[in-house]
Amino acid sequence: MKKKTSDSTLVGLAVTGFLVAMVFTLKKLFNIDALPPRVPDRFGDSGVA
C-alpha cells in the first residue's frame, strides 16, 4: 500500500458522497421542504429567513 495520497483521496470522496447521499435521503424521508424555513437554514440549505 504505497498509494497513500490516492487512498486518502478516495476515502475522502467516499465519505463526502456518503454524507451528501445521507442528507439527500433524510430530506426525502422527512420532507424537510414542508417544514418552516428556519429548519432547512440549520442545515445550510435554501433557508433565507
C-alpha atoms as a PDB file:
ATOM      1  CA  MET A   1       0.000   0.000   0.000  1.00  0.00           C
ATOM      2  CA  LYS A   2       2.232   2.812  -1.253  1.00  0.00           C
ATOM      3  CA  LYS A   3      -0.597   4.888  -2.741  1.00  0.00           C
ATOM      4  CA  LYS A   4      -1.392   6.779   0.457  1.00  0.00           C
ATOM      5  CA  THR A   5      -2.386  10.026  -1.265  1.00  0.00           C
ATOM      6  CA  SER A   6      -4.811   8.409  -3.707  1.00  0.00           C
ATOM      7  CA  ASP A   7      -6.234   6.157  -0.979  1.00  0.00           C
ATOM      8  CA  SER A   8      -6.909   9.070   1.353  1.00  0.00           C
ATOM      9  CA  THR A   9      -8.455  11.000  -1.541  1.00  0.00           C
ATOM     10  CA  LEU A  10     -10.759   8.088  -2.365  1.00  0.00           C
ATOM     11  CA  VAL A  11     -11.746   7.764   1.295  1.00  0.00           C
ATOM     12  CA  GLY A  12     -12.477  11.494   1.455  1.00  0.00           C
ATOM     13  CA  LEU A  13     -14.590  11.326  -1.679  1.00  0.00           C
ATOM     14  CA  ALA A  14     -16.449   8.285  -0.348  1.00  0.00           C
ATOM     15  CA  VAL A  15     -17.179   9.980   2.974  1.00  0.00           C
ATOM     16  CA  THR A  16     -18.298  13.190   1.239  1.00  0.00           C
ATOM     17  CA  GLY A  17     -20.521  11.269  -1.166  1.00  0.00           C
ATOM     18  CA  PHE A  18     -21.989   9.244   1.696  1.00  0.00           C
ATOM     19  CA  LEU A  19     -22.787  12.380   3.705  1.00  0.00           C
ATOM     20  CA  VAL A  20     -24.400  14.060   0.690  1.00  0.00           C
ATOM     21  CA  ALA A  21     -26.453  10.946  -0.055  1.00  0.00           C
ATOM     22  CA  MET A  22     -27.482  10.647   3.596  1.00  0.00           C
ATOM     23  CA  VAL A  23     -28.613  14.288   3.772  1.00  0.00           C
ATOM     24  CA  PHE A  24     -30.484  13.897   0.474  1.00  0.00           C
ATOM     25  CA  THR A  25     -32.195  10.721   1.737  1.00  0.00           C
ATOM     26  CA  LEU A  26     -33.126  12.361   5.046  1.00  0.00           C
ATOM     27  CA  LYS A  27     -34.612  15.335   3.183  1.00  0.00           C
ATOM     28  CA  LYS A  28     -36.641  12.921   1.047  1.00  0.00           C
ATOM     29  CA  LEU A  29     -37.786  10.867   4.048  1.00  0.00           C
ATOM     30  CA  PHE A  30     -38.778  13.699   6.360  1.00  0.00           C
ATOM     31  CA  ASN A  31     -39.818  16.107   3.572  1.00  0.00           C
ATOM     32  CA  ILE A  32     -37.771  18.966   5.056  1.00  0.00           C
ATOM     33  CA  ASP A  33     -39.103  21.318   2.359  1.00  0.00           C
ATOM     34  CA  ALA A  34     -42.513  21.196   4.055  1.00  0.00           C
ATOM     35  CA  LEU A  35     -41.083  22.346   7.399  1.00  0.00           C
ATOM     36  CA  PRO A  36     -40.751  26.006   8.477  1.00  0.00           C
ATOM     37  CA  PRO A  37     -37.990  27.973   6.689  1.00  0.00           C
ATOM     38  CA  ARG A  38     -35.719  28.137   9.753  1.00  0.00           C
ATOM     39  CA  VAL A  39     -35.302  24.342   9.858  1.00  0.00           C
ATOM     40  CA  PRO A  40     -33.565  23.966   6.444  1.00  0.00           C
ATOM     41  CA  ASP A  41     -31.479  27.043   7.388  1.00  0.00           C
ATOM     42  CA  ARG A  42     -29.906  24.988  10.181  1.00  0.00           C
ATOM     43  CA  PHE A  43     -28.675  22.511   7.570  1.00  0.00           C
ATOM     44  CA  GLY A  44     -27.260  25.317   5.418  1.00  0.00           C
ATOM     45  CA  ASP A  45     -29.860  24.795   2.723  1.00  0.00           C
ATOM     46  CA  SER A  46     -32.032  27.348   0.946  1.00  0.00           C
ATOM     47  CA  GLY A  47     -33.486  28.738   4.199  1.00  0.00           C
ATOM     48  CA  VAL A  48     -33.073  32.531   3.959  1.00  0.00           C
ATOM     49  CA  ALA A  49     -35.315  33.569   6.880  1.00  0.00           C
END
